[in-house]
Amino acid sequence: MLNRSTLPVREIFPGYRARFVHSERMTESWLDIDAGAFAPEHQHPHEQTVNVLSGTLELTVEGTTHVLPAGASFVIPPDVRHAARAVTDCTVLDVFAPARDDFR
């Protein structure tokens, strides 16, 4: 059993504070994001599911912007360019498959 509140915090982009849970096949990234914080456009070989737990997140995927309120989820296929901006303070759960060794 893991208690997320005791996991180390890592700032992956300015204003994006993450706690990671890893299994053999996936990585969970529990994020607290400051309003206005921006994750620049990037891509990776992992499938990613973005789950907005609270707040509002603006997600741009292949040039199309989606506004995700609390309760929304969005699946980003592998190798697809994407960026994000927190419209408000947000709590987001990103799930990656396969596991992200770069976040271990």
PDB file of N, CA and C in Angstrom:
ATOM      1  N   MET A   1       0.839  -1.182   0.000  1.00  0.00           N
ATOM      2  CA  MET A   1       0.000   0.000   0.000  1.00  0.00           C
ATOM      3  C   MET A   1       0.883   1.244   0.000  1.00  0.00           C
ATOM      4  N   LEU A   2       0.452   2.241  -0.761  1.00  0.00           N
ATOM      5  CA  LEU A   2       1.137   3.524  -0.815  1.00  0.00           C
ATOM      6  C   LEU A   2       0.217   4.613  -0.281  1.00  0.00           C
ATOM      7  N   ASN A   3       0.796   5.580   0.370  1.00  0.00           N
ATOM      8  CA  ASN A   3       0.066   6.765   0.777  1.00  0.00           C
ATOM      9  C   ASN A   3       0.634   7.914  -0.053  1.00  0.00           C
ATOM     10  N   ARG A   4      -0.146   8.423  -1.015  1.00  0.00           N
ATOM     11  CA  ARG A   4       0.354   9.462  -1.919  1.00  0.00           C
ATOM     12  C   ARG A   4       0.889  10.673  -1.181  1.00  0.00           C
ATOM     13  N   SER A   5       0.320  11.013  -0.059  1.00  0.00           N
ATOM     14  CA  SER A   5       0.755  12.218   0.649  1.00  0.00           C
ATOM     15  C   SER A   5       2.186  12.105   1.170  1.00  0.00           C
ATOM     16  N   THR A   6       2.705  10.886   1.246  1.00  0.00           N
ATOM     17  CA  THR A   6       4.083  10.708   1.733  1.00  0.00           C
ATOM     18  C   THR A   6       5.090  10.552   0.599  1.00  0.00           C
ATOM     19  N   LEU A   7       4.613  10.505  -0.653  1.00  0.00           N
ATOM     20  CA  LEU A   7       5.524  10.359  -1.787  1.00  0.00           C
ATOM     21  C   LEU A   7       6.249  11.674  -2.061  1.00  0.00           C
ATOM     22  N   PRO A   8       7.490  11.599  -2.552  1.00  0.00           N
ATOM     23  CA  PRO A   8       8.215  12.836  -2.867  1.00  0.00           C
ATOM     24  C   PRO A   8       7.528  13.619  -3.990  1.00  0.00           C
ATOM     25  N   VAL A   9       7.659  14.923  -3.937  1.00  0.00           N
ATOM     26  CA  VAL A   9       7.080  15.812  -4.942  1.00  0.00           C
ATOM     27  C   VAL A   9       8.192  16.215  -5.907  1.00  0.00           C
ATOM     28  N   ARG A  10       7.866  16.171  -7.199  1.00  0.00           N
ATOM     29  CA  ARG A  10       8.830  16.562  -8.231  1.00  0.00           C
ATOM     30  C   ARG A  10       8.164  17.577  -9.149  1.00  0.00           C
ATOM     31  N   GLU A  11       8.803  18.724  -9.354  1.00  0.00           N
ATOM     32  CA  GLU A  11       8.261  19.730 -10.268  1.00  0.00           C
ATOM     33  C   GLU A  11       8.693  19.362 -11.685  1.00  0.00           C
ATOM     34  N   ILE A  12       7.723  18.956 -12.531  1.00  0.00           N
ATOM     35  CA  ILE A  12       8.066  18.492 -13.877  1.00  0.00           C
ATOM     36  C   ILE A  12       8.049  19.634 -14.893  1.00  0.00           C
ATOM     37  N   PHE A  13       7.261  20.672 -14.641  1.00  0.00           N
ATOM     38  CA  PHE A  13       7.268  21.940 -15.368  1.00  0.00           C
ATOM     39  C   PHE A  13       7.019  22.996 -14.287  1.00  0.00           C
ATOM     40  N   PRO A  14       7.393  24.250 -14.511  1.00  0.00           N
ATOM     41  CA  PRO A  14       7.103  25.274 -13.502  1.00  0.00           C
ATOM     42  C   PRO A  14       5.612  25.299 -13.162  1.00  0.00           C
ATOM     43  N   GLY A  15       5.292  25.145 -11.880  1.00  0.00           N
ATOM     44  CA  GLY A  15       3.903  25.143 -11.428  1.00  0.00           C
ATOM     45  C   GLY A  15       3.204  23.802 -11.524  1.00  0.00           C
ATOM     46  N   TYR A  16       3.909  22.754 -11.985  1.00  0.00           N
ATOM     47  CA  TYR A  16       3.368  21.395 -12.094  1.00  0.00           C
ATOM     48  C   TYR A  16       4.092  20.502 -11.092  1.00  0.00           C
ATOM     49  N   ARG A  17       3.448  20.220  -9.957  1.00  0.00           N
ATOM     50  CA  ARG A  17       4.050  19.398  -8.908  1.00  0.00           C
ATOM     51  C   ARG A  17       3.430  18.003  -8.935  1.00  0.00           C
ATOM     52  N   ALA A  18       4.284  16.991  -9.109  1.00  0.00           N
ATOM     53  CA  ALA A  18       3.805  15.623  -9.320  1.00  0.00           C
ATOM     54  C   ALA A  18       4.284  14.682  -8.231  1.00  0.00           C
ATOM     55  N   ARG A  19       3.434  13.724  -7.923  1.00  0.00           N
ATOM     56  CA  ARG A  19       3.788  12.559  -7.098  1.00  0.00           C
ATOM     57  C   ARG A  19       3.519  11.346  -7.978  1.00  0.00           C
ATOM     58  N   PHE A  20       4.466  10.405  -8.033  1.00  0.00           N
ATOM     59  CA  PHE A  20       4.378   9.292  -8.970  1.00  0.00           C
ATOM     60  C   PHE A  20       4.137   7.967  -8.274  1.00  0.00           C
ATOM     61  N   VAL A  21       3.285   7.165  -8.908  1.00  0.00           N
ATOM     62  CA  VAL A  21       3.058   5.780  -8.507  1.00  0.00           C
ATOM     63  C   VAL A  21       3.355   4.938  -9.746  1.00  0.00           C
ATOM     64  N   HIS A  22       4.253   3.968  -9.590  1.00  0.00           N
ATOM     65  CA  HIS A  22       4.665   3.138 -10.721  1.00  0.00           C
ATOM     66  C   HIS A  22       4.283   1.684 -10.481  1.00  0.00           C
ATOM     67  N   SER A  23       3.851   1.037 -11.551  1.00  0.00           N
ATOM     68  CA  SER A  23       3.718  -0.413 -11.555  1.00  0.00           C
ATOM     69  C   SER A  23       4.610  -0.925 -12.686  1.00  0.00           C
ATOM     70  N   GLU A  24       4.565  -2.198 -12.927  1.00  0.00           N
ATOM     71  CA  GLU A  24       5.385  -2.759 -13.996  1.00  0.00           C
ATOM     72  C   GLU A  24       4.978  -2.200 -15.364  1.00  0.00           C
ATOM     73  N   ARG A  25       3.673  -1.918 -15.552  1.00  0.00           N
ATOM     74  CA  ARG A  25       3.166  -1.562 -16.876  1.00  0.00           C
ATOM     75  C   ARG A  25       2.614  -0.151 -17.021  1.00  0.00           C
ATOM     76  N   MET A  26       2.519   0.609 -15.921  1.00  0.00           N
ATOM     77  CA  MET A  26       1.966   1.958 -16.037  1.00  0.00           C
ATOM     78  C   MET A  26       2.545   2.872 -14.966  1.00  0.00           C
ATOM     79  N   THR A  27       2.359   4.170 -15.201  1.00  0.00           N
ATOM     80  CA  THR A  27       2.750   5.197 -14.239  1.00  0.00           C
ATOM     81  C   THR A  27       1.559   6.114 -14.014  1.00  0.00           C
ATOM     82  N   GLU A  28       1.273   6.408 -12.744  1.00  0.00           N
ATOM     83  CA  GLU A  28       0.300   7.437 -12.376  1.00  0.00           C
ATOM     84  C   GLU A  28       1.074   8.670 -11.954  1.00  0.00           C
ATOM     85  N   SER A  29       0.652   9.816 -12.460  1.00  0.00           N
ATOM     86  CA  SER A  29       1.228  11.098 -12.074  1.00  0.00           C
ATOM     87  C   SER A  29       0.109  11.931 -11.457  1.00  0.00           C
ATOM     88  N   TRP A  30       0.169  12.102 -10.137  1.00  0.00           N
ATOM     89  CA  TRP A  30      -0.821  12.892  -9.404  1.00  0.00           C
ATOM     90  C   TRP A  30      -0.295  14.317  -9.348  1.00  0.00           C
ATOM     91  N   LEU A  31      -0.975  15.247 -10.015  1.00  0.00           N
ATOM     92  CA  LEU A  31      -0.468  16.601 -10.212  1.00  0.00           C
ATOM     93  C   LEU A  31      -1.299  17.648  -9.483  1.00  0.00           C
ATOM     94  N   ASP A  32      -0.602  18.567  -8.840  1.00  0.00           N
ATOM     95  CA  ASP A  32      -1.194  19.819  -8.368  1.00  0.00           C
ATOM     96  C   ASP A  32      -0.602  20.897  -9.263  1.00  0.00           C
ATOM     97  N   ILE A  33      -1.476  21.650  -9.950  1.00  0.00           N
ATOM     98  CA  ILE A  33      -1.030  22.610 -10.948  1.00  0.00           C
ATOM     99  C   ILE A  33      -1.545  23.997 -10.588  1.00  0.00           C
ATOM    100  N   ASP A  34      -0.641  24.973 -10.629  1.00  0.00           N
ATOM    101  CA  ASP A  34      -1.005  26.362 -10.333  1.00  0.00           C
ATOM    102  C   ASP A  34      -1.726  26.992 -11.516  1.00  0.00           C
ATOM    103  N   ALA A  35      -2.705  27.838 -11.229  1.00  0.00           N
ATOM    104  CA  ALA A  35      -3.413  28.570 -12.280  1.00  0.00           C
ATOM    105  C   ALA A  35      -2.395  29.298 -13.154  1.00  0.00           C
ATOM    106  N   GLY A  36      -2.562  29.178 -14.465  1.00  0.00           N
ATOM    107  CA  GLY A  36      -1.672  29.834 -15.417  1.00  0.00           C
ATOM    108  C   GLY A  36      -0.431  29.044 -15.778  1.00  0.00           C
ATOM    109  N   ALA A  37      -0.122  27.980 -15.034  1.00  0.00           N
ATOM    110  CA  ALA A  37       1.071  27.183 -15.332  1.00  0.00           C
ATOM    111  C   ALA A  37       0.903  26.491 -16.682  1.00  0.00           C
ATOM    112  N   PHE A  38       2.022  26.362 -17.408  1.00  0.00           N
ATOM    113  CA  PHE A  38       1.998  25.882 -18.784  1.00  0.00           C
ATOM    114  C   PHE A  38       2.966  24.727 -18.958  1.00  0.00           C
ATOM    115  N   ALA A  39       2.499  23.653 -19.568  1.00  0.00           N
ATOM    116  CA  ALA A  39       3.360  22.541 -19.989  1.00  0.00           C
ATOM    117  C   ALA A  39       3.559  22.711 -21.488  1.00  0.00           C
ATOM    118  N   PRO A  40       4.784  23.009 -21.929  1.00  0.00           N
ATOM    119  CA  PRO A  40       5.007  23.277 -23.355  1.00  0.00           C
ATOM    120  C   PRO A  40       4.735  22.049 -24.212  1.00  0.00           C
ATOM    121  N   GLU A  41       4.550  22.302 -25.494  1.00  0.00           N
ATOM    122  CA  GLU A  41       4.262  21.211 -26.424  1.00  0.00           C
ATOM    123  C   GLU A  41       5.381  20.166 -26.369  1.00  0.00           C
ATOM    124  N   HIS A  42       4.969  18.906 -26.309  1.00  0.00           N
ATOM    125  CA  HIS A  42       5.910  17.791 -26.251  1.00  0.00           C
ATOM    126  C   HIS A  42       5.198  16.534 -26.737  1.00  0.00           C
ATOM    127  N   GLN A  43       5.936  15.459 -26.841  1.00  0.00           N
ATOM    128  CA  GLN A  43       5.359  14.154 -27.183  1.00  0.00           C
ATOM    129  C   GLN A  43       6.211  13.084 -26.538  1.00  0.00           C
ATOM    130  N   HIS A  44       5.637  11.895 -26.405  1.00  0.00           N
ATOM    131  CA  HIS A  44       6.348  10.762 -25.814  1.00  0.00           C
ATOM    132  C   HIS A  44       5.716   9.478 -26.345  1.00  0.00           C
ATOM    133  N   PRO A  45       6.414   8.359 -26.214  1.00  0.00           N
ATOM    134  CA  PRO A  45       5.909   7.107 -26.784  1.00  0.00           C
ATOM    135  C   PRO A  45       4.825   6.433 -25.938  1.00  0.00           C
ATOM    136  N   HIS A  46       4.372   7.094 -24.888  1.00  0.00           N
ATOM    137  CA  HIS A  46       3.388   6.517 -23.973  1.00  0.00           C
ATOM    138  C   HIS A  46       1.986   6.988 -24.326  1.00  0.00           C
ATOM    139  N   GLU A  47       1.009   6.098 -24.214  1.00  0.00           N
ATOM    140  CA  GLU A  47      -0.389   6.514 -24.221  1.00  0.00           C
ATOM    141  C   GLU A  47      -0.634   7.233 -22.898  1.00  0.00           C
ATOM    142  N   GLN A  48      -1.411   8.306 -22.917  1.00  0.00           N
ATOM    143  CA  GLN A  48      -1.657   9.096 -21.706  1.00  0.00           C
ATOM    144  C   GLN A  48      -3.141   9.365 -21.573  1.00  0.00           C
ATOM    145  N   THR A  49      -3.666   9.128 -20.382  1.00  0.00           N
ATOM    146  CA  THR A  49      -5.031   9.519 -20.066  1.00  0.00           C
ATOM    147  C   THR A  49      -4.961  10.660 -19.064  1.00  0.00           C
ATOM    148  N   VAL A  50      -5.541  11.791 -19.418  1.00  0.00           N
ATOM    149  CA  VAL A  50      -5.592  12.980 -18.566  1.00  0.00           C
ATOM    150  C   VAL A  50      -6.948  12.976 -17.873  1.00  0.00           C
ATOM    151  N   ASN A  51      -6.945  13.017 -16.542  1.00  0.00           N
ATOM    152  CA  ASN A  51      -8.173  13.009 -15.749  1.00  0.00           C
ATOM    153  C   ASN A  51      -8.171  14.241 -14.850  1.00  0.00           C
ATOM    154  N   VAL A  52      -9.072  15.180 -15.094  1.00  0.00           N
ATOM    155  CA  VAL A  52      -9.132  16.405 -14.297  1.00  0.00           C
ATOM    156  C   VAL A  52     -10.002  16.128 -13.072  1.00  0.00           C
ATOM    157  N   LEU A  53      -9.374  16.185 -11.907  1.00  0.00           N
ATOM    158  CA  LEU A  53     -10.082  15.906 -10.654  1.00  0.00           C
ATOM    159  C   LEU A  53     -10.716  17.166 -10.072  1.00  0.00           C
ATOM    160  N   SER A  54     -10.036  18.312 -10.236  1.00  0.00           N
ATOM    161  CA  SER A  54     -10.604  19.593  -9.809  1.00  0.00           C
ATOM    162  C   SER A  54     -10.004  20.699 -10.660  1.00  0.00           C
ATOM    163  N   GLY A  55     -10.741  21.790 -10.809  1.00  0.00           N
ATOM    164  CA  GLY A  55     -10.273  22.916 -11.603  1.00  0.00           C
ATOM    165  C   GLY A  55     -10.588  22.739 -13.075  1.00  0.00           C
ATOM    166  N   THR A  56      -9.945  23.583 -13.892  1.00  0.00           N
ATOM    167  CA  THR A  56     -10.146  23.566 -15.340  1.00  0.00           C
ATOM    168  C   THR A  56      -8.784  23.578 -16.023  1.00  0.00           C
ATOM    169  N   LEU A  57      -8.599  22.652 -16.956  1.00  0.00           N
ATOM    170  CA  LEU A  57      -7.350  22.499 -17.695  1.00  0.00           C
ATOM    171  C   LEU A  57      -7.616  22.692 -19.179  1.00  0.00           C
ATOM    172  N   GLU A  58      -6.769  23.482 -19.824  1.00  0.00           N
ATOM    173  CA  GLU A  58      -6.836  23.667 -21.274  1.00  0.00           C
ATOM    174  C   GLU A  58      -5.776  22.754 -21.886  1.00  0.00           C
ATOM    175  N   LEU A  59      -6.198  21.810 -22.698  1.00  0.00           N
ATOM    176  CA  LEU A  59      -5.317  20.815 -23.295  1.00  0.00           C
ATOM    177  C   LEU A  59      -5.331  20.996 -24.811  1.00  0.00           C
ATOM    178  N   THR A  60      -4.143  21.188 -25.396  1.00  0.00           N
ATOM    179  CA  THR A  60      -4.031  21.336 -26.842  1.00  0.00           C
ATOM    180  C   THR A  60      -3.374  20.079 -27.387  1.00  0.00           C
ATOM    181  N   VAL A  61      -4.094  19.378 -28.257  1.00  0.00           N
ATOM    182  CA  VAL A  61      -3.630  18.107 -28.821  1.00  0.00           C
ATOM    183  C   VAL A  61      -3.648  18.246 -30.337  1.00  0.00           C
ATOM    184  N   GLU A  62      -2.476  18.098 -30.943  1.00  0.00           N
ATOM    185  CA  GLU A  62      -2.322  18.245 -32.397  1.00  0.00           C
ATOM    186  C   GLU A  62      -2.969  19.532 -32.901  1.00  0.00           C
ATOM    187  N   GLY A  63      -2.761  20.639 -32.158  1.00  0.00           N
ATOM    188  CA  GLY A  63      -3.233  21.941 -32.581  1.00  0.00           C
ATOM    189  C   GLY A  63      -4.666  22.278 -32.236  1.00  0.00           C
ATOM    190  N   THR A  64      -5.425  21.339 -31.693  1.00  0.00           N
ATOM    191  CA  THR A  64      -6.810  21.598 -31.299  1.00  0.00           C
ATOM    192  C   THR A  64      -6.887  21.731 -29.788  1.00  0.00           C
ATOM    193  N   THR A  65      -7.483  22.827 -29.327  1.00  0.00           N
ATOM    194  CA  THR A  65      -7.562  23.097 -27.893  1.00  0.00           C
ATOM    195  C   THR A  65      -8.897  22.597 -27.347  1.00  0.00           C
ATOM    196  N   HIS A  66      -8.806  21.903 -26.206  1.00  0.00           N
ATOM    197  CA  HIS A  66      -9.969  21.358 -25.496  1.00  0.00           C
ATOM    198  C   HIS A  66      -9.951  21.926 -24.085  1.00  0.00           C
ATOM    199  N   VAL A  67     -11.082  22.411 -23.597  1.00  0.00           N
ATOM    200  CA  VAL A  67     -11.194  22.892 -22.222  1.00  0.00           C
ATOM    201  C   VAL A  67     -11.814  21.769 -21.405  1.00  0.00           C
ATOM    202  N   LEU A  68     -11.045  21.279 -20.422  1.00  0.00           N
ATOM    203  CA  LEU A  68     -11.475  20.132 -19.615  1.00  0.00           C
ATOM    204  C   LEU A  68     -11.844  20.593 -18.208  1.00  0.00           C
ATOM    205  N   PRO A  69     -13.122  20.509 -17.840  1.00  0.00           N
ATOM    206  CA  PRO A  69     -13.528  20.838 -16.472  1.00  0.00           C
ATOM    207  C   PRO A  69     -13.313  19.635 -15.554  1.00  0.00           C
ATOM    208  N   ALA A  70     -13.498  19.849 -14.269  1.00  0.00           N
ATOM    209  CA  ALA A  70     -13.413  18.746 -13.307  1.00  0.00           C
ATOM    210  C   ALA A  70     -14.347  17.628 -13.740  1.00  0.00           C
ATOM    211  N   GLY A  71     -13.853  16.401 -13.686  1.00  0.00           N
ATOM    212  CA  GLY A  71     -14.627  15.236 -14.080  1.00  0.00           C
ATOM    213  C   GLY A  71     -14.358  14.777 -15.504  1.00  0.00           C
ATOM    214  N   ALA A  72     -13.672  15.599 -16.294  1.00  0.00           N
ATOM    215  CA  ALA A  72     -13.392  15.245 -17.692  1.00  0.00           C
ATOM    216  C   ALA A  72     -12.131  14.400 -17.790  1.00  0.00           C
ATOM    217  N   SER A  73     -12.103  13.548 -18.811  1.00  0.00           N
ATOM    218  CA  SER A  73     -10.918  12.748 -19.145  1.00  0.00           C
ATOM    219  C   SER A  73     -10.646  12.895 -20.630  1.00  0.00           C
ATOM    220  N   PHE A  74      -9.389  12.705 -21.010  1.00  0.00           N
ATOM    221  CA  PHE A  74      -8.991  12.816 -22.406  1.00  0.00           C
ATOM    222  C   PHE A  74      -7.861  11.829 -22.651  1.00  0.00           C
ATOM    223  N   VAL A  75      -7.953  11.029 -23.706  1.00  0.00           N
ATOM    224  CA  VAL A  75      -6.911  10.055 -24.042  1.00  0.00           C
ATOM    225  C   VAL A  75      -6.031  10.631 -25.145  1.00  0.00           C
ATOM    226  N   ILE A  76      -4.727  10.655 -24.892  1.00  0.00           N
ATOM    227  CA  ILE A  76      -3.746  11.116 -25.872  1.00  0.00           C
ATOM    228  C   ILE A  76      -2.982   9.892 -26.365  1.00  0.00           C
ATOM    229  N   PRO A  77      -3.065   9.585 -27.653  1.00  0.00           N
ATOM    230  CA  PRO A  77      -2.344   8.423 -28.183  1.00  0.00           C
ATOM    231  C   PRO A  77      -0.822   8.623 -28.102  1.00  0.00           C
ATOM    232  N   PRO A  78      -0.063   7.552 -28.217  1.00  0.00           N
ATOM    233  CA  PRO A  78       1.395   7.669 -28.216  1.00  0.00           C
ATOM    234  C   PRO A  78       1.888   8.559 -29.360  1.00  0.00           C
ATOM    235  N   ASP A  79       2.992   9.273 -29.093  1.00  0.00           N
ATOM    236  CA  ASP A  79       3.707  10.072 -30.098  1.00  0.00           C
ATOM    237  C   ASP A  79       2.897  11.230 -30.675  1.00  0.00           C
ATOM    238  N   VAL A  80       1.862  11.686 -29.975  1.00  0.00           N
ATOM    239  CA  VAL A  80       1.049  12.816 -30.423  1.00  0.00           C
ATOM    240  C   VAL A  80       1.492  14.068 -29.663  1.00  0.00           C
ATOM    241  N   ARG A  81       1.723  15.155 -30.404  1.00  0.00           N
ATOM    242  CA  ARG A  81       2.168  16.408 -29.778  1.00  0.00           C
ATOM    243  C   ARG A  81       1.010  17.018 -28.982  1.00  0.00           C
ATOM    244  N   HIS A  82       1.340  17.500 -27.757  1.00  0.00           N
ATOM    245  CA  HIS A  82       0.331  18.096 -26.900  1.00  0.00           C
ATOM    246  C   HIS A  82       0.959  19.083 -25.924  1.00  0.00           C
ATOM    247  N   ALA A  83       0.138  19.988 -25.411  1.00  0.00           N
ATOM    248  CA  ALA A  83       0.544  20.988 -24.424  1.00  0.00           C
ATOM    249  C   ALA A  83      -0.645  21.207 -23.497  1.00  0.00           C
ATOM    250  N   ALA A  84      -0.389  21.828 -22.337  1.00  0.00           N
ATOM    251  CA  ALA A  84      -1.482  22.075 -21.395  1.00  0.00           C
ATOM    252  C   ALA A  84      -1.250  23.380 -20.651  1.00  0.00           C
ATOM    253  N   ARG A  85      -2.358  24.008 -20.244  1.00  0.00           N
ATOM    254  CA  ARG A  85      -2.319  25.219 -19.426  1.00  0.00           C
ATOM    255  C   ARG A  85      -3.442  25.133 -18.410  1.00  0.00           C
ATOM    256  N   ALA A  86      -3.117  25.412 -17.169  1.00  0.00           N
ATOM    257  CA  ALA A  86      -4.132  25.413 -16.115  1.00  0.00           C
ATOM    258  C   ALA A  86      -4.889  26.736 -16.163  1.00  0.00           C
ATOM    259  N   VAL A  87      -6.181  26.671 -16.415  1.00  0.00           N
ATOM    260  CA  VAL A  87      -7.024  27.860 -16.402  1.00  0.00           C
ATOM    261  C   VAL A  87      -7.214  28.320 -14.953  1.00  0.00           C
ATOM    262  N   THR A  88      -7.392  27.351 -14.053  1.00  0.00           N
ATOM    263  CA  THR A  88      -7.507  27.595 -12.615  1.00  0.00           C
ATOM    264  C   THR A  88      -6.510  26.666 -11.927  1.00  0.00           C
ATOM    265  N   ASP A  89      -6.366  26.789 -10.616  1.00  0.00           N
ATOM    266  CA  ASP A  89      -5.632  25.754  -9.895  1.00  0.00           C
ATOM    267  C   ASP A  89      -6.301  24.425 -10.210  1.00  0.00           C
ATOM    268  N   CYS A  90      -5.501  23.387 -10.440  1.00  0.00           N
ATOM    269  CA  CYS A  90      -6.043  22.090 -10.859  1.00  0.00           C
ATOM    270  C   CYS A  90      -5.414  20.953 -10.068  1.00  0.00           C
ATOM    271  N   THR A  91      -6.160  19.894  -9.954  1.00  0.00           N
ATOM    272  CA  THR A  91      -5.634  18.597  -9.546  1.00  0.00           C
ATOM    273  C   THR A  91      -5.942  17.648 -10.695  1.00  0.00           C
ATOM    274  N   VAL A  92      -4.885  16.986 -11.192  1.00  0.00           N
ATOM    275  CA  VAL A  92      -5.011  16.140 -12.378  1.00  0.00           C
ATOM    276  C   VAL A  92      -4.315  14.807 -12.114  1.00  0.00           C
ATOM    277  N   LEU A  93      -4.921  13.748 -12.582  1.00  0.00           N
ATOM    278  CA  LEU A  93      -4.296  12.430 -12.572  1.00  0.00           C
ATOM    279  C   LEU A  93      -3.995  12.055 -14.013  1.00  0.00           C
ATOM    280  N   ASP A  94      -2.700  11.980 -14.345  1.00  0.00           N
ATOM    281  CA  ASP A  94      -2.272  11.479 -15.653  1.00  0.00           C
ATOM    282  C   ASP A  94      -1.854  10.028 -15.479  1.00  0.00           C
ATOM    283  N   VAL A  95      -2.315   9.165 -16.382  1.00  0.00           N
ATOM    284  CA  VAL A  95      -1.935   7.755 -16.357  1.00  0.00           C
ATOM    285  C   VAL A  95      -1.239   7.448 -17.680  1.00  0.00           C
ATOM    286  N   PHE A  96      -0.050   6.854 -17.582  1.00  0.00           N
ATOM    287  CA  PHE A  96       0.780   6.560 -18.754  1.00  0.00           C
ATOM    288  C   PHE A  96       0.975   5.044 -18.882  1.00  0.00           C
ATOM    289  N   ALA A  97       0.903   4.563 -20.126  1.00  0.00           N
ATOM    290  CA  ALA A  97       1.229   3.162 -20.408  1.00  0.00           C
ATOM    291  C   ALA A  97       2.025   3.149 -21.711  1.00  0.00           C
ATOM    292  N   PRO A  98       3.144   2.425 -21.742  1.00  0.00           N
ATOM    293  CA  PRO A  98       3.733   1.690 -20.628  1.00  0.00           C
ATOM    294  C   PRO A  98       4.285   2.640 -19.559  1.00  0.00           C
ATOM    295  N   ALA A  99       4.835   2.066 -18.507  1.00  0.00           N
ATOM    296  CA  ALA A  99       5.379   2.859 -17.408  1.00  0.00           C
ATOM    297  C   ALA A  99       6.451   3.816 -17.909  1.00  0.00           C
ATOM    298  N   ARG A 100       6.546   4.978 -17.263  1.00  0.00           N
ATOM    299  CA  ARG A 100       7.530   6.005 -17.640  1.00  0.00           C
ATOM    300  C   ARG A 100       8.777   5.848 -16.785  1.00  0.00           C
ATOM    301  N   ASP A 101       9.784   5.255 -17.358  1.00  0.00           N
ATOM    302  CA  ASP A 101      11.049   5.111 -16.631  1.00  0.00           C
ATOM    303  C   ASP A 101      11.701   6.450 -16.350  1.00  0.00           C
ATOM    304  N   ASP A 102      11.450   7.471 -17.205  1.00  0.00           N
ATOM    305  CA  ASP A 102      12.040   8.795 -16.976  1.00  0.00           C
ATOM    306  C   ASP A 102      11.452   9.488 -15.747  1.00  0.00           C
ATOM    307  N   PHE A 103      10.349   9.003 -15.216  1.00  0.00           N
ATOM    308  CA  PHE A 103       9.756   9.569 -14.004  1.00  0.00           C
ATOM    309  C   PHE A 103      10.085   8.749 -12.759  1.00  0.00           C
ATOM    310  N   ARG A 104      10.852   7.687 -12.888  1.00  0.00           N
ATOM    311  CA  ARG A 104      11.202   6.875 -11.710  1.00  0.00           C
ATOM    312  C   ARG A 104      12.259   7.558 -10.890  1.00  0.00           C
TER     313      ARG A 104
END
